[in-house]
Each structure stands twice: as structure tokens, then as C-alpha cells.
Amino acid sequence: MNLITTIIIIASALSVILAVVSFWLPQMSPDQEKLSPYECGFDPLGSARLPFSMRFFLVAILFLLFDLEIALPPPLPWGDQLPTPVTTFLWASSVLILLTLGLIYEWLQGGLEWAE
């Protein structure tokens, strides 16, 4: 038996064992509290049609945008091995500058303020 077959057998056996144990191990005792629809701190007895603030979505999108921006600078040191490292640096810098200008614009417009 070769190595790959052994690894597949071990992974499959471990997956089946964990799936079976996860169904039989937990204590199933549902009560009224566990069965109530409670999400994200909202009152489950109130209306489900409460409008969200657009500022919440704006801050969430900005967070995702700048979270993805963090992934841009780490590969830049390896960009100097490309045929044109200056072009790589200029493109990365232009993206960072554009995002920074967008953040400054949102800040000046008051888009990051929670209280109105």
C-alpha cells in the first residue's frame, strides 16, 4: 500500500469517526430558551422588520476594503525580482493612495460617525 492510499484511508476513517461521535456525544435537551430565535442581541419578541442604519453597512464595507488592503504590501518585497519592479511599486502605491484618499473623503464627509 502506498503513502497516498494510507493517508486517504486514515483521513476517511478519522472523518467518519468524528462525524459519528459528534451525533451521539452531545446531550440533547432542548428547552424554551434554546428554541427561541435569538440573533445578534436583537429582541426576539420585537418586529423582525426593523431597518438597519446605512452607516452600519458603510463601516462594514470600509472594514472589508481596508482588511483586504493589508494583503497588498507583504508581497511587494518580492516584486523587485520582476522585470520592472518600479511599475509594480507604482501600481501598489497608486492603489494605497486611492484607498487613503477615499478614507479621508469619508472621514471629512462624516461617514464614519456613529452618532448623528
PDB file of N, CA and C in Angstrom:
ATOM      1  N   MET A   1       0.854  -1.171   0.000  1.00  0.00           N
ATOM      2  CA  MET A   1       0.000   0.000   0.000  1.00  0.00           C
ATOM      3  C   MET A   1       0.903   1.239   0.000  1.00  0.00           C
ATOM      4  N   ASN A   2       0.616   2.153  -0.877  1.00  0.00           N
ATOM      5  CA  ASN A   2       1.484   3.328  -0.933  1.00  0.00           C
ATOM      6  C   ASN A   2       1.021   4.405   0.051  1.00  0.00           C
ATOM      7  N   LEU A   3       1.795   5.460   0.123  1.00  0.00           N
ATOM      8  CA  LEU A   3       1.578   6.514   1.118  1.00  0.00           C
ATOM      9  C   LEU A   3       0.261   7.254   0.904  1.00  0.00           C
ATOM     10  N   ILE A   4      -0.076   7.547  -0.340  1.00  0.00           N
ATOM     11  CA  ILE A   4      -1.291   8.313  -0.609  1.00  0.00           C
ATOM     12  C   ILE A   4      -2.535   7.507  -0.217  1.00  0.00           C
ATOM     13  N   THR A   5      -2.542   6.225  -0.520  1.00  0.00           N
ATOM     14  CA  THR A   5      -3.682   5.388  -0.132  1.00  0.00           C
ATOM     15  C   THR A   5      -3.821   5.321   1.379  1.00  0.00           C
ATOM     16  N   THR A   6      -2.704   5.222   2.068  1.00  0.00           N
ATOM     17  CA  THR A   6      -2.736   5.188   3.532  1.00  0.00           C
ATOM     18  C   THR A   6      -3.291   6.482   4.101  1.00  0.00           C
ATOM     19  N   ILE A   7      -2.865   7.602   3.562  1.00  0.00           N
ATOM     20  CA  ILE A   7      -3.342   8.900   4.039  1.00  0.00           C
ATOM     21  C   ILE A   7      -4.843   9.051   3.779  1.00  0.00           C
ATOM     22  N   ILE A   8      -5.314   8.610   2.605  1.00  0.00           N
ATOM     23  CA  ILE A   8      -6.740   8.701   2.294  1.00  0.00           C
ATOM     24  C   ILE A   8      -7.558   7.823   3.237  1.00  0.00           C
ATOM     25  N   ILE A   9      -7.081   6.636   3.525  1.00  0.00           N
ATOM     26  CA  ILE A   9      -7.796   5.740   4.435  1.00  0.00           C
ATOM     27  C   ILE A   9      -7.851   6.326   5.841  1.00  0.00           C
ATOM     28  N   ILE A  10      -6.731   6.837   6.318  1.00  0.00           N
ATOM     29  CA  ILE A  10      -6.697   7.424   7.669  1.00  0.00           C
ATOM     30  C   ILE A  10      -7.609   8.651   7.748  1.00  0.00           C
ATOM     31  N   ALA A  11      -7.567   9.522   6.735  1.00  0.00           N
ATOM     32  CA  ALA A  11      -8.412  10.723   6.739  1.00  0.00           C
ATOM     33  C   ALA A  11      -9.891  10.354   6.680  1.00  0.00           C
ATOM     34  N   SER A  12     -10.234   9.375   5.857  1.00  0.00           N
ATOM     35  CA  SER A  12     -11.636   8.946   5.761  1.00  0.00           C
ATOM     36  C   SER A  12     -12.113   8.324   7.069  1.00  0.00           C
ATOM     37  N   ALA A  13     -11.293   7.459   7.656  1.00  0.00           N
ATOM     38  CA  ALA A  13     -11.673   6.820   8.917  1.00  0.00           C
ATOM     39  C   ALA A  13     -11.833   7.862  10.019  1.00  0.00           C
ATOM     40  N   LEU A  14     -10.916   8.808  10.085  1.00  0.00           N
ATOM     41  CA  LEU A  14     -10.999   9.845  11.103  1.00  0.00           C
ATOM     42  C   LEU A  14     -12.243  10.713  10.906  1.00  0.00           C
ATOM     43  N   SER A  15     -12.576  11.029   9.656  1.00  0.00           N
ATOM     44  CA  SER A  15     -13.767  11.827   9.381  1.00  0.00           C
ATOM     45  C   SER A  15     -15.036  11.096   9.793  1.00  0.00           C
ATOM     46  N   VAL A  16     -15.116   9.807   9.471  1.00  0.00           N
ATOM     47  CA  VAL A  16     -16.303   9.031   9.834  1.00  0.00           C
ATOM     48  C   VAL A  16     -16.420   8.912  11.341  1.00  0.00           C
ATOM     49  N   ILE A  17     -15.310   8.657  12.025  1.00  0.00           N
ATOM     50  CA  ILE A  17     -15.327   8.530  13.492  1.00  0.00           C
ATOM     51  C   ILE A  17     -15.784   9.836  14.132  1.00  0.00           C
ATOM     52  N   LEU A  18     -15.244  10.967  13.676  1.00  0.00           N
ATOM     53  CA  LEU A  18     -15.627  12.260  14.252  1.00  0.00           C
ATOM     54  C   LEU A  18     -17.088  12.607  13.962  1.00  0.00           C
ATOM     55  N   ALA A  19     -17.579  12.264  12.776  1.00  0.00           N
ATOM     56  CA  ALA A  19     -18.978  12.537  12.453  1.00  0.00           C
ATOM     57  C   ALA A  19     -19.909  11.700  13.322  1.00  0.00           C
ATOM     58  N   VAL A  20     -19.577  10.435  13.516  1.00  0.00           N
ATOM     59  CA  VAL A  20     -20.421   9.559  14.337  1.00  0.00           C
ATOM     60  C   VAL A  20     -20.405  10.018  15.791  1.00  0.00           C
ATOM     61  N   VAL A  21     -19.232  10.363  16.307  1.00  0.00           N
ATOM     62  CA  VAL A  21     -19.121  10.813  17.702  1.00  0.00           C
ATOM     63  C   VAL A  21     -19.870  12.131  17.906  1.00  0.00           C
ATOM     64  N   SER A  22     -19.823  13.016  16.912  1.00  0.00           N
ATOM     65  CA  SER A  22     -20.498  14.310  17.073  1.00  0.00           C
ATOM     66  C   SER A  22     -22.011  14.176  17.112  1.00  0.00           C
ATOM     67  N   PHE A  23     -22.573  13.116  16.526  1.00  0.00           N
ATOM     68  CA  PHE A  23     -24.020  12.902  16.600  1.00  0.00           C
ATOM     69  C   PHE A  23     -24.449  12.247  17.899  1.00  0.00           C
ATOM     70  N   TRP A  24     -23.615  11.386  18.482  1.00  0.00           N
ATOM     71  CA  TRP A  24     -24.019  10.643  19.667  1.00  0.00           C
ATOM     72  C   TRP A  24     -23.531  11.246  20.975  1.00  0.00           C
ATOM     73  N   LEU A  25     -22.498  12.070  20.934  1.00  0.00           N
ATOM     74  CA  LEU A  25     -21.902  12.578  22.162  1.00  0.00           C
ATOM     75  C   LEU A  25     -22.699  13.700  22.836  1.00  0.00           C
ATOM     76  N   PRO A  26     -23.231  14.683  22.111  1.00  0.00           N
ATOM     77  CA  PRO A  26     -23.870  15.807  22.814  1.00  0.00           C
ATOM     78  C   PRO A  26     -25.166  15.406  23.510  1.00  0.00           C
ATOM     79  N   GLN A  27     -25.434  16.077  24.600  1.00  0.00           N
ATOM     80  CA  GLN A  27     -26.682  15.874  25.334  1.00  0.00           C
ATOM     81  C   GLN A  27     -27.761  16.727  24.680  1.00  0.00           C
ATOM     82  N   MET A  28     -28.775  16.090  24.175  1.00  0.00           N
ATOM     83  CA  MET A  28     -29.860  16.813  23.514  1.00  0.00           C
ATOM     84  C   MET A  28     -30.985  17.048  24.513  1.00  0.00           C
ATOM     85  N   SER A  29     -31.031  18.255  25.034  1.00  0.00           N
ATOM     86  CA  SER A  29     -32.108  18.620  25.956  1.00  0.00           C
ATOM     87  C   SER A  29     -32.599  20.029  25.609  1.00  0.00           C
ATOM     88  N   PRO A  30     -33.359  20.154  24.524  1.00  0.00           N
ATOM     89  CA  PRO A  30     -33.827  21.488  24.141  1.00  0.00           C
ATOM     90  C   PRO A  30     -34.867  22.014  25.116  1.00  0.00           C
ATOM     91  N   ASP A  31     -34.718  23.269  25.480  1.00  0.00           N
ATOM     92  CA  ASP A  31     -35.708  23.935  26.315  1.00  0.00           C
ATOM     93  C   ASP A  31     -36.216  25.173  25.566  1.00  0.00           C
ATOM     94  N   GLN A  32     -37.079  25.923  26.195  1.00  0.00           N
ATOM     95  CA  GLN A  32     -37.694  27.070  25.536  1.00  0.00           C
ATOM     96  C   GLN A  32     -36.658  28.136  25.175  1.00  0.00           C
ATOM     97  N   GLU A  33     -35.653  28.296  26.021  1.00  0.00           N
ATOM     98  CA  GLU A  33     -34.623  29.308  25.756  1.00  0.00           C
ATOM     99  C   GLU A  33     -33.789  28.948  24.533  1.00  0.00           C
ATOM    100  N   LYS A  34     -33.444  27.672  24.410  1.00  0.00           N
ATOM    101  CA  LYS A  34     -32.632  27.253  23.268  1.00  0.00           C
ATOM    102  C   LYS A  34     -33.425  27.272  21.963  1.00  0.00           C
ATOM    103  N   LEU A  35     -34.715  27.066  22.039  1.00  0.00           N
ATOM    104  CA  LEU A  35     -35.534  27.019  20.833  1.00  0.00           C
ATOM    105  C   LEU A  35     -36.003  28.396  20.384  1.00  0.00           C
ATOM    106  N   SER A  36     -35.757  29.443  21.172  1.00  0.00           N
ATOM    107  CA  SER A  36     -36.208  30.782  20.789  1.00  0.00           C
ATOM    108  C   SER A  36     -35.267  31.373  19.737  1.00  0.00           C
ATOM    109  N   PRO A  37     -35.817  32.114  18.778  1.00  0.00           N
ATOM    110  CA  PRO A  37     -34.974  32.716  17.739  1.00  0.00           C
ATOM    111  C   PRO A  37     -34.281  33.969  18.270  1.00  0.00           C
ATOM    112  N   TYR A  38     -33.026  33.846  18.639  1.00  0.00           N
ATOM    113  CA  TYR A  38     -32.276  34.969  19.191  1.00  0.00           C
ATOM    114  C   TYR A  38     -31.025  35.161  18.344  1.00  0.00           C
ATOM    115  N   GLU A  39     -30.884  36.346  17.762  1.00  0.00           N
ATOM    116  CA  GLU A  39     -29.725  36.601  16.924  1.00  0.00           C
ATOM    117  C   GLU A  39     -29.159  37.983  17.221  1.00  0.00           C
ATOM    118  N   CYS A  40     -27.888  38.055  17.367  1.00  0.00           N
ATOM    119  CA  CYS A  40     -27.117  39.298  17.382  1.00  0.00           C
ATOM    120  C   CYS A  40     -27.605  40.327  18.400  1.00  0.00           C
ATOM    121  N   GLY A  41     -28.179  39.925  19.486  1.00  0.00           N
ATOM    122  CA  GLY A  41     -28.586  40.865  20.512  1.00  0.00           C
ATOM    123  C   GLY A  41     -29.909  41.544  20.265  1.00  0.00           C
ATOM    124  N   PHE A  42     -30.611  41.213  19.181  1.00  0.00           N
ATOM    125  CA  PHE A  42     -31.906  41.821  18.928  1.00  0.00           C
ATOM    126  C   PHE A  42     -32.968  41.118  19.773  1.00  0.00           C
ATOM    127  N   ASP A  43     -33.971  41.858  20.159  1.00  0.00           N
ATOM    128  CA  ASP A  43     -35.072  41.303  20.943  1.00  0.00           C
ATOM    129  C   ASP A  43     -35.884  40.350  20.069  1.00  0.00           C
ATOM    130  N   PRO A  44     -35.981  39.064  20.424  1.00  0.00           N
ATOM    131  CA  PRO A  44     -36.696  38.131  19.554  1.00  0.00           C
ATOM    132  C   PRO A  44     -38.202  38.327  19.559  1.00  0.00           C
ATOM    133  N   LEU A  45     -38.731  39.103  20.495  1.00  0.00           N
ATOM    134  CA  LEU A  45     -40.168  39.312  20.564  1.00  0.00           C
ATOM    135  C   LEU A  45     -40.615  40.543  19.787  1.00  0.00           C
ATOM    136  N   GLY A  46     -39.648  41.363  19.357  1.00  0.00           N
ATOM    137  CA  GLY A  46     -39.991  42.578  18.624  1.00  0.00           C
ATOM    138  C   GLY A  46     -40.200  42.294  17.145  1.00  0.00           C
ATOM    139  N   SER A  47     -40.347  43.344  16.378  1.00  0.00           N
ATOM    140  CA  SER A  47     -40.569  43.217  14.947  1.00  0.00           C
ATOM    141  C   SER A  47     -39.279  42.794  14.256  1.00  0.00           C
ATOM    142  N   ALA A  48     -39.398  41.919  13.297  1.00  0.00           N
ATOM    143  CA  ALA A  48     -38.231  41.463  12.535  1.00  0.00           C
ATOM    144  C   ALA A  48     -37.939  42.391  11.369  1.00  0.00           C
ATOM    145  N   ARG A  49     -38.732  43.410  11.186  1.00  0.00           N
ATOM    146  CA  ARG A  49     -38.586  44.307  10.046  1.00  0.00           C
ATOM    147  C   ARG A  49     -38.008  45.663  10.434  1.00  0.00           C
ATOM    148  N   LEU A  50     -37.166  45.713  11.450  1.00  0.00           N
ATOM    149  CA  LEU A  50     -36.536  46.976  11.832  1.00  0.00           C
ATOM    150  C   LEU A  50     -35.462  47.338  10.812  1.00  0.00           C
ATOM    151  N   PRO A  51     -35.427  48.590  10.372  1.00  0.00           N
ATOM    152  CA  PRO A  51     -34.435  48.969   9.360  1.00  0.00           C
ATOM    153  C   PRO A  51     -33.038  49.110   9.983  1.00  0.00           C
ATOM    154  N   PHE A  52     -32.047  48.712   9.213  1.00  0.00           N
ATOM    155  CA  PHE A  52     -30.665  48.902   9.620  1.00  0.00           C
ATOM    156  C   PHE A  52     -30.200  50.280   9.173  1.00  0.00           C
ATOM    157  N   SER A  53     -29.275  50.822   9.917  1.00  0.00           N
ATOM    158  CA  SER A  53     -28.684  52.091   9.528  1.00  0.00           C
ATOM    159  C   SER A  53     -27.716  51.859   8.370  1.00  0.00           C
ATOM    160  N   MET A  54     -27.715  52.746   7.401  1.00  0.00           N
ATOM    161  CA  MET A  54     -26.782  52.632   6.283  1.00  0.00           C
ATOM    162  C   MET A  54     -25.344  52.829   6.743  1.00  0.00           C
ATOM    163  N   ARG A  55     -25.147  53.506   7.861  1.00  0.00           N
ATOM    164  CA  ARG A  55     -23.792  53.689   8.392  1.00  0.00           C
ATOM    165  C   ARG A  55     -23.194  52.358   8.816  1.00  0.00           C
ATOM    166  N   PHE A  56     -24.033  51.458   9.293  1.00  0.00           N
ATOM    167  CA  PHE A  56     -23.546  50.128   9.657  1.00  0.00           C
ATOM    168  C   PHE A  56     -22.955  49.429   8.434  1.00  0.00           C
ATOM    169  N   PHE A  57     -23.656  49.481   7.309  1.00  0.00           N
ATOM    170  CA  PHE A  57     -23.164  48.847   6.096  1.00  0.00           C
ATOM    171  C   PHE A  57     -21.936  49.559   5.557  1.00  0.00           C
ATOM    172  N   LEU A  58     -21.895  50.887   5.666  1.00  0.00           N
ATOM    173  CA  LEU A  58     -20.748  51.646   5.191  1.00  0.00           C
ATOM    174  C   LEU A  58     -19.500  51.274   5.977  1.00  0.00           C
ATOM    175  N   VAL A  59     -19.608  51.210   7.290  1.00  0.00           N
ATOM    176  CA  VAL A  59     -18.452  50.847   8.116  1.00  0.00           C
ATOM    177  C   VAL A  59     -18.043  49.403   7.841  1.00  0.00           C
ATOM    178  N   ALA A  60     -19.010  48.512   7.618  1.00  0.00           N
ATOM    179  CA  ALA A  60     -18.683  47.122   7.320  1.00  0.00           C
ATOM    180  C   ALA A  60     -17.936  47.011   5.991  1.00  0.00           C
ATOM    181  N   ILE A  61     -18.377  47.743   4.985  1.00  0.00           N
ATOM    182  CA  ILE A  61     -17.701  47.700   3.684  1.00  0.00           C
ATOM    183  C   ILE A  61     -16.316  48.319   3.785  1.00  0.00           C
ATOM    184  N   LEU A  62     -16.187  49.407   4.521  1.00  0.00           N
ATOM    185  CA  LEU A  62     -14.863  50.011   4.707  1.00  0.00           C
ATOM    186  C   LEU A  62     -13.922  49.068   5.446  1.00  0.00           C
ATOM    187  N   PHE A  63     -14.450  48.363   6.430  1.00  0.00           N
ATOM    188  CA  PHE A  63     -13.619  47.395   7.147  1.00  0.00           C
ATOM    189  C   PHE A  63     -13.130  46.312   6.197  1.00  0.00           C
ATOM    190  N   LEU A  64     -14.022  45.777   5.376  1.00  0.00           N
ATOM    191  CA  LEU A  64     -13.609  44.736   4.426  1.00  0.00           C
ATOM    192  C   LEU A  64     -12.601  45.274   3.421  1.00  0.00           C
ATOM    193  N   LEU A  65     -12.811  46.486   2.957  1.00  0.00           N
ATOM    194  CA  LEU A  65     -11.916  47.077   1.981  1.00  0.00           C
ATOM    195  C   LEU A  65     -10.514  47.247   2.552  1.00  0.00           C
ATOM    196  N   PHE A  66     -10.417  47.794   3.761  1.00  0.00           N
ATOM    197  CA  PHE A  66      -9.105  48.017   4.343  1.00  0.00           C
ATOM    198  C   PHE A  66      -8.508  46.746   4.928  1.00  0.00           C
ATOM    199  N   ASP A  67      -9.346  45.755   5.188  1.00  0.00           N
ATOM    200  CA  ASP A  67      -8.829  44.455   5.584  1.00  0.00           C
ATOM    201  C   ASP A  67      -8.152  43.790   4.391  1.00  0.00           C
ATOM    202  N   LEU A  68      -8.737  43.943   3.211  1.00  0.00           N
ATOM    203  CA  LEU A  68      -8.113  43.400   2.003  1.00  0.00           C
ATOM    204  C   LEU A  68      -6.887  44.205   1.601  1.00  0.00           C
ATOM    205  N   GLU A  69      -6.867  45.477   1.950  1.00  0.00           N
ATOM    206  CA  GLU A  69      -5.712  46.313   1.618  1.00  0.00           C
ATOM    207  C   GLU A  69      -4.459  45.830   2.348  1.00  0.00           C
ATOM    208  N   ILE A  70      -4.630  45.230   3.509  1.00  0.00           N
ATOM    209  CA  ILE A  70      -3.490  44.737   4.269  1.00  0.00           C
ATOM    210  C   ILE A  70      -2.768  43.631   3.504  1.00  0.00           C
ATOM    211  N   ALA A  71      -3.468  42.923   2.643  1.00  0.00           N
ATOM    212  CA  ALA A  71      -2.859  41.835   1.881  1.00  0.00           C
ATOM    213  C   ALA A  71      -2.003  42.340   0.730  1.00  0.00           C
ATOM    214  N   LEU A  72      -2.060  43.626   0.406  1.00  0.00           N
ATOM    215  CA  LEU A  72      -1.294  44.151  -0.721  1.00  0.00           C
ATOM    216  C   LEU A  72       0.189  44.362  -0.422  1.00  0.00           C
ATOM    217  N   PRO A  73       0.601  44.996   0.684  1.00  0.00           N
ATOM    218  CA  PRO A  73       2.027  45.282   0.883  1.00  0.00           C
ATOM    219  C   PRO A  73       2.947  44.081   1.139  1.00  0.00           C
ATOM    220  N   PRO A  74       2.532  42.994   1.798  1.00  0.00           N
ATOM    221  CA  PRO A  74       3.514  41.932   2.075  1.00  0.00           C
ATOM    222  C   PRO A  74       4.206  41.333   0.860  1.00  0.00           C
ATOM    223  N   PRO A  75       3.550  41.131  -0.299  1.00  0.00           N
ATOM    224  CA  PRO A  75       4.316  40.563  -1.421  1.00  0.00           C
ATOM    225  C   PRO A  75       5.187  41.572  -2.157  1.00  0.00           C
ATOM    226  N   LEU A  76       5.139  42.841  -1.787  1.00  0.00           N
ATOM    227  CA  LEU A  76       5.914  43.843  -2.513  1.00  0.00           C
ATOM    228  C   LEU A  76       7.427  43.632  -2.452  1.00  0.00           C
ATOM    229  N   PRO A  77       8.014  43.149  -1.360  1.00  0.00           N
ATOM    230  CA  PRO A  77       9.468  42.922  -1.403  1.00  0.00           C
ATOM    231  C   PRO A  77       9.890  41.916  -2.473  1.00  0.00           C
ATOM    232  N   TRP A  78       9.016  40.976  -2.824  1.00  0.00           N
ATOM    233  CA  TRP A  78       9.351  40.028  -3.880  1.00  0.00           C
ATOM    234  C   TRP A  78       9.106  40.625  -5.254  1.00  0.00           C
ATOM    235  N   GLY A  79       8.452  41.778  -5.304  1.00  0.00           N
ATOM    236  CA  GLY A  79       8.201  42.437  -6.574  1.00  0.00           C
ATOM    237  C   GLY A  79       9.450  43.017  -7.204  1.00  0.00           C
ATOM    238  N   ASP A  80      10.522  43.168  -6.436  1.00  0.00           N
ATOM    239  CA  ASP A  80      11.759  43.707  -7.016  1.00  0.00           C
ATOM    240  C   ASP A  80      12.458  42.682  -7.901  1.00  0.00           C
ATOM    241  N   GLN A  81      12.001  41.445  -7.919  1.00  0.00           N
ATOM    242  CA  GLN A  81      12.591  40.429  -8.787  1.00  0.00           C
ATOM    243  C   GLN A  81      11.892  40.365 -10.143  1.00  0.00           C
ATOM    244  N   LEU A  82      10.842  41.146 -10.324  1.00  0.00           N
ATOM    245  CA  LEU A  82      10.152  41.202 -11.602  1.00  0.00           C
ATOM    246  C   LEU A  82      10.976  42.007 -12.602  1.00  0.00           C
ATOM    247  N   PRO A  83      10.648  41.900 -13.882  1.00  0.00           N
ATOM    248  CA  PRO A  83      11.412  42.672 -14.880  1.00  0.00           C
ATOM    249  C   PRO A  83      11.319  44.185 -14.676  1.00  0.00           C
ATOM    250  N   THR A  84      10.158  44.659 -14.207  1.00  0.00           N
ATOM    251  CA  THR A  84      10.002  46.100 -13.967  1.00  0.00           C
ATOM    252  C   THR A  84       9.495  46.310 -12.534  1.00  0.00           C
ATOM    253  N   PRO A  85      10.394  46.326 -11.548  1.00  0.00           N
ATOM    254  CA  PRO A  85       9.947  46.495 -10.158  1.00  0.00           C
ATOM    255  C   PRO A  85       9.360  47.877  -9.880  1.00  0.00           C
ATOM    256  N   VAL A  86       9.788  48.877 -10.625  1.00  0.00           N
ATOM    257  CA  VAL A  86       9.259  50.221 -10.406  1.00  0.00           C
ATOM    258  C   VAL A  86       7.773  50.272 -10.770  1.00  0.00           C
ATOM    259  N   THR A  87       7.400  49.583 -11.836  1.00  0.00           N
ATOM    260  CA  THR A  87       5.993  49.551 -12.236  1.00  0.00           C
ATOM    261  C   THR A  87       5.145  48.874 -11.161  1.00  0.00           C
ATOM    262  N   THR A  88       5.652  47.776 -10.599  1.00  0.00           N
ATOM    263  CA  THR A  88       4.932  47.081  -9.527  1.00  0.00           C
ATOM    264  C   THR A  88       4.743  48.000  -8.330  1.00  0.00           C
ATOM    265  N   PHE A  89       5.794  48.702  -7.962  1.00  0.00           N
ATOM    266  CA  PHE A  89       5.711  49.624  -6.830  1.00  0.00           C
ATOM    267  C   PHE A  89       4.741  50.761  -7.119  1.00  0.00           C
ATOM    268  N   LEU A  90       4.748  51.294  -8.330  1.00  0.00           N
ATOM    269  CA  LEU A  90       3.846  52.396  -8.672  1.00  0.00           C
ATOM    270  C   LEU A  90       2.381  51.954  -8.645  1.00  0.00           C
ATOM    271  N   TRP A  91       2.069  50.752  -9.159  1.00  0.00           N
ATOM    272  CA  TRP A  91       0.690  50.259  -9.114  1.00  0.00           C
ATOM    273  C   TRP A  91       0.222  50.041  -7.683  1.00  0.00           C
ATOM    274  N   ALA A  92       1.072  49.415  -6.873  1.00  0.00           N
ATOM    275  CA  ALA A  92       0.697  49.175  -5.476  1.00  0.00           C
ATOM    276  C   ALA A  92       0.539  50.496  -4.731  1.00  0.00           C
ATOM    277  N   SER A  93       1.429  51.436  -4.985  1.00  0.00           N
ATOM    278  CA  SER A  93       1.321  52.748  -4.332  1.00  0.00           C
ATOM    279  C   SER A  93       0.062  53.486  -4.769  1.00  0.00           C
ATOM    280  N   SER A  94      -0.278  53.385  -6.054  1.00  0.00           N
ATOM    281  CA  SER A  94      -1.478  54.082  -6.523  1.00  0.00           C
ATOM    282  C   SER A  94      -2.743  53.493  -5.883  1.00  0.00           C
ATOM    283  N   VAL A  95      -2.786  52.180  -5.686  1.00  0.00           N
ATOM    284  CA  VAL A  95      -3.942  51.574  -5.014  1.00  0.00           C
ATOM    285  C   VAL A  95      -4.017  52.060  -3.570  1.00  0.00           C
ATOM    286  N   LEU A  96      -2.890  52.055  -2.867  1.00  0.00           N
ATOM    287  CA  LEU A  96      -2.873  52.509  -1.476  1.00  0.00           C
ATOM    288  C   LEU A  96      -3.238  53.984  -1.355  1.00  0.00           C
ATOM    289  N   ILE A  97      -2.755  54.804  -2.270  1.00  0.00           N
ATOM    290  CA  ILE A  97      -3.073  56.234  -2.244  1.00  0.00           C
ATOM    291  C   ILE A  97      -4.562  56.451  -2.534  1.00  0.00           C
ATOM    292  N   LEU A  98      -5.108  55.707  -3.496  1.00  0.00           N
ATOM    293  CA  LEU A  98      -6.535  55.828  -3.807  1.00  0.00           C
ATOM    294  C   LEU A  98      -7.402  55.437  -2.619  1.00  0.00           C
ATOM    295  N   LEU A  99      -7.049  54.353  -1.945  1.00  0.00           N
ATOM    296  CA  LEU A  99      -7.808  53.942  -0.768  1.00  0.00           C
ATOM    297  C   LEU A  99      -7.673  54.947   0.374  1.00  0.00           C
ATOM    298  N   THR A 100      -6.490  55.501   0.545  1.00  0.00           N
ATOM    299  CA  THR A 100      -6.288  56.503   1.592  1.00  0.00           C
ATOM    300  C   THR A 100      -7.091  57.763   1.302  1.00  0.00           C
ATOM    301  N   LEU A 101      -7.118  58.191   0.043  1.00  0.00           N
ATOM    302  CA  LEU A 101      -7.925  59.360  -0.317  1.00  0.00           C
ATOM    303  C   LEU A 101      -9.415  59.092  -0.100  1.00  0.00           C
ATOM    304  N   GLY A 102      -9.862  57.885  -0.409  1.00  0.00           N
ATOM    305  CA  GLY A 102     -11.257  57.529  -0.149  1.00  0.00           C
ATOM    306  C   GLY A 102     -11.592  57.555   1.332  1.00  0.00           C
ATOM    307  N   LEU A 103     -10.669  57.057   2.159  1.00  0.00           N
ATOM    308  CA  LEU A 103     -10.877  57.086   3.607  1.00  0.00           C
ATOM    309  C   LEU A 103     -10.925  58.514   4.127  1.00  0.00           C
ATOM    310  N   ILE A 104     -10.045  59.367   3.638  1.00  0.00           N
ATOM    311  CA  ILE A 104     -10.044  60.777   4.055  1.00  0.00           C
ATOM    312  C   ILE A 104     -11.354  61.448   3.637  1.00  0.00           C
ATOM    313  N   TYR A 105     -11.836  61.161   2.428  1.00  0.00           N
ATOM    314  CA  TYR A 105     -13.097  61.732   1.957  1.00  0.00           C
ATOM    315  C   TYR A 105     -14.252  61.298   2.858  1.00  0.00           C
ATOM    316  N   GLU A 106     -14.329  59.997   3.176  1.00  0.00           N
ATOM    317  CA  GLU A 106     -15.396  59.513   4.053  1.00  0.00           C
ATOM    318  C   GLU A 106     -15.302  60.148   5.435  1.00  0.00           C
ATOM    319  N   TRP A 107     -14.096  60.320   5.921  1.00  0.00           N
ATOM    320  CA  TRP A 107     -13.892  60.912   7.237  1.00  0.00           C
ATOM    321  C   TRP A 107     -14.382  62.369   7.248  1.00  0.00           C
ATOM    322  N   LEU A 108     -14.015  63.128   6.195  1.00  0.00           N
ATOM    323  CA  LEU A 108     -14.419  64.529   6.130  1.00  0.00           C
ATOM    324  C   LEU A 108     -15.926  64.689   5.907  1.00  0.00           C
ATOM    325  N   GLN A 109     -16.549  63.745   5.216  1.00  0.00           N
ATOM    326  CA  GLN A 109     -17.989  63.805   4.981  1.00  0.00           C
ATOM    327  C   GLN A 109     -18.790  63.352   6.198  1.00  0.00           C
ATOM    328  N   GLY A 110     -18.117  62.797   7.198  1.00  0.00           N
ATOM    329  CA  GLY A 110     -18.793  62.340   8.413  1.00  0.00           C
ATOM    330  C   GLY A 110     -19.382  60.949   8.287  1.00  0.00           C
ATOM    331  N   GLY A 111     -18.918  60.188   7.319  1.00  0.00           N
ATOM    332  CA  GLY A 111     -19.451  58.849   7.113  1.00  0.00           C
ATOM    333  C   GLY A 111     -19.023  57.852   8.159  1.00  0.00           C
ATOM    334  N   LEU A 112     -18.016  58.184   8.953  1.00  0.00           N
ATOM    335  CA  LEU A 112     -17.534  57.275   9.987  1.00  0.00           C
ATOM    336  C   LEU A 112     -18.074  57.607  11.355  1.00  0.00           C
ATOM    337  N   GLU A 113     -18.948  58.600  11.447  1.00  0.00           N
ATOM    338  CA  GLU A 113     -19.527  58.994  12.728  1.00  0.00           C
ATOM    339  C   GLU A 113     -20.734  58.098  13.024  1.00  0.00           C
ATOM    340  N   TRP A 114     -20.766  57.530  14.207  1.00  0.00           N
ATOM    341  CA  TRP A 114     -21.899  56.682  14.590  1.00  0.00           C
ATOM    342  C   TRP A 114     -23.092  57.512  15.048  1.00  0.00           C
ATOM    343  N   ALA A 115     -22.841  58.547  15.813  1.00  0.00           N
ATOM    344  CA  ALA A 115     -23.934  59.373  16.334  1.00  0.00           C
ATOM    345  C   ALA A 115     -24.252  60.474  15.349  1.00  0.00           C
ATOM    346  N   GLU A 116     -25.534  60.771  15.239  1.00  0.00           N
ATOM    347  CA  GLU A 116     -25.938  61.850  14.311  1.00  0.00           C
ATOM    348  C   GLU A 116     -26.325  63.089  15.065  1.00  0.00           C
TER     349      GLU A 116
END
